[in-house]
Amino acid sequence: MSKILVPPTDYRDLLMVSAADTRDIDGMIIINQASANWLTGKMDTGTYFDVLDHFGIDPYAHVNPVEQLAYEQTFTVELFL
């Protein structure tokens, strides 16, 4: 069986965000550090979701695809056309 999508060895790569503007760099750093902390168990899920929500990211939409890929080996994407 061949796979179309090969998941990365480090799931942090799927949770990282990038800044669209130089004014957003501080938020990007906070979000990316929070994702690393959450994945290593240094931050609980509620706190991580609060960080995402604070920066305008829907926590469930951001985390669910990664959890599906990690645990169920499936990946769902919503397309906004």
Protein backbone atom coordinates (compact mmCIF):
# COMPACT_ATOMS: atom_id res chain seq x y z
CA MET A 1 0.00 0.00 0.00
CA SER A 2 1.44 3.39 -0.93
CA LYS A 3 0.85 6.53 1.06
CA ILE A 4 0.07 9.87 -0.49
CA LEU A 5 0.90 11.84 2.65
CA VAL A 6 3.90 11.03 4.79
CA PRO A 7 3.55 12.61 8.24
CA PRO A 8 6.57 14.37 9.66
CA THR A 9 8.50 12.69 12.44
CA ASP A 10 7.89 15.72 14.67
CA TYR A 11 4.26 16.82 14.94
CA ARG A 12 5.38 20.29 16.06
CA ASP A 13 5.93 20.98 12.37
CA LEU A 14 2.17 20.70 11.80
CA LEU A 15 1.26 23.04 14.66
CA MET A 16 3.72 25.84 13.85
CA VAL A 17 2.41 29.12 12.50
CA SER A 18 4.17 31.87 10.57
CA ALA A 19 3.80 35.62 10.77
CA ALA A 20 2.19 37.45 7.88
CA ASP A 21 3.57 40.77 9.04
CA THR A 22 6.56 41.86 11.11
CA ARG A 23 4.12 43.17 13.74
CA ASP A 24 2.92 39.57 14.25
CA ILE A 25 6.32 38.04 15.01
CA ASP A 26 5.91 38.21 18.82
CA GLY A 27 2.58 36.37 18.59
CA MET A 28 4.08 33.79 16.25
CA ILE A 29 6.87 33.07 18.72
CA ILE A 30 4.40 32.73 21.62
CA ILE A 31 2.11 30.39 19.66
CA ASN A 32 4.97 28.21 18.41
CA GLN A 33 6.51 27.93 21.88
CA ALA A 34 3.08 27.06 23.30
CA SER A 35 2.65 24.26 20.74
CA ALA A 36 6.07 22.83 21.63
CA ASN A 37 5.23 23.04 25.35
CA TRP A 38 1.84 21.40 24.83
CA LEU A 39 3.25 18.51 22.82
CA THR A 40 5.91 17.82 25.45
CA GLY A 41 3.42 17.98 28.33
CA LYS A 42 4.76 21.23 29.79
CA MET A 43 1.42 22.98 29.11
CA ASP A 44 -2.09 21.64 29.61
CA THR A 45 -4.61 21.61 26.79
CA GLY A 46 -6.81 24.34 28.28
CA THR A 47 -3.92 26.77 28.53
CA TYR A 48 -2.74 25.95 25.01
CA PHE A 49 -6.23 26.49 23.64
CA ASP A 50 -6.44 29.80 25.52
CA VAL A 51 -3.19 30.94 23.86
CA LEU A 52 -4.52 30.02 20.41
CA ASP A 53 -7.84 31.72 21.09
CA HIS A 54 -6.09 34.87 22.36
CA PHE A 55 -4.39 35.24 18.99
CA GLY A 56 -7.58 34.58 17.00
CA ILE A 57 -6.91 30.94 16.09
CA ASP A 58 -9.76 28.45 16.47
CA PRO A 59 -8.13 25.82 18.71
CA TYR A 60 -10.21 22.90 17.47
CA ALA A 61 -9.72 23.72 13.79
CA HIS A 62 -5.98 24.09 14.42
CA VAL A 63 -5.43 20.94 16.50
CA ASN A 64 -8.00 18.41 15.21
CA PRO A 65 -6.29 17.70 11.85
CA VAL A 66 -3.00 17.06 13.65
CA GLU A 67 -4.65 14.72 16.15
CA GLN A 68 -6.40 12.85 13.34
CA LEU A 69 -3.13 12.39 11.53
CA ALA A 70 -1.20 11.39 14.65
CA TYR A 71 -3.71 8.94 16.09
CA GLU A 72 -5.95 7.81 13.26
CA GLN A 73 -3.58 8.30 10.31
CA THR A 74 -6.30 10.31 8.53
CA PHE A 75 -6.22 13.92 7.46
CA THR A 76 -9.21 16.16 6.81
CA VAL A 77 -8.97 19.62 5.31
CA GLU A 78 -11.71 22.19 4.87
CA LEU A 79 -11.44 24.10 1.63
CA PHE A 80 -12.76 27.61 1.51
CA LEU A 81 -13.49 28.46 -2.09
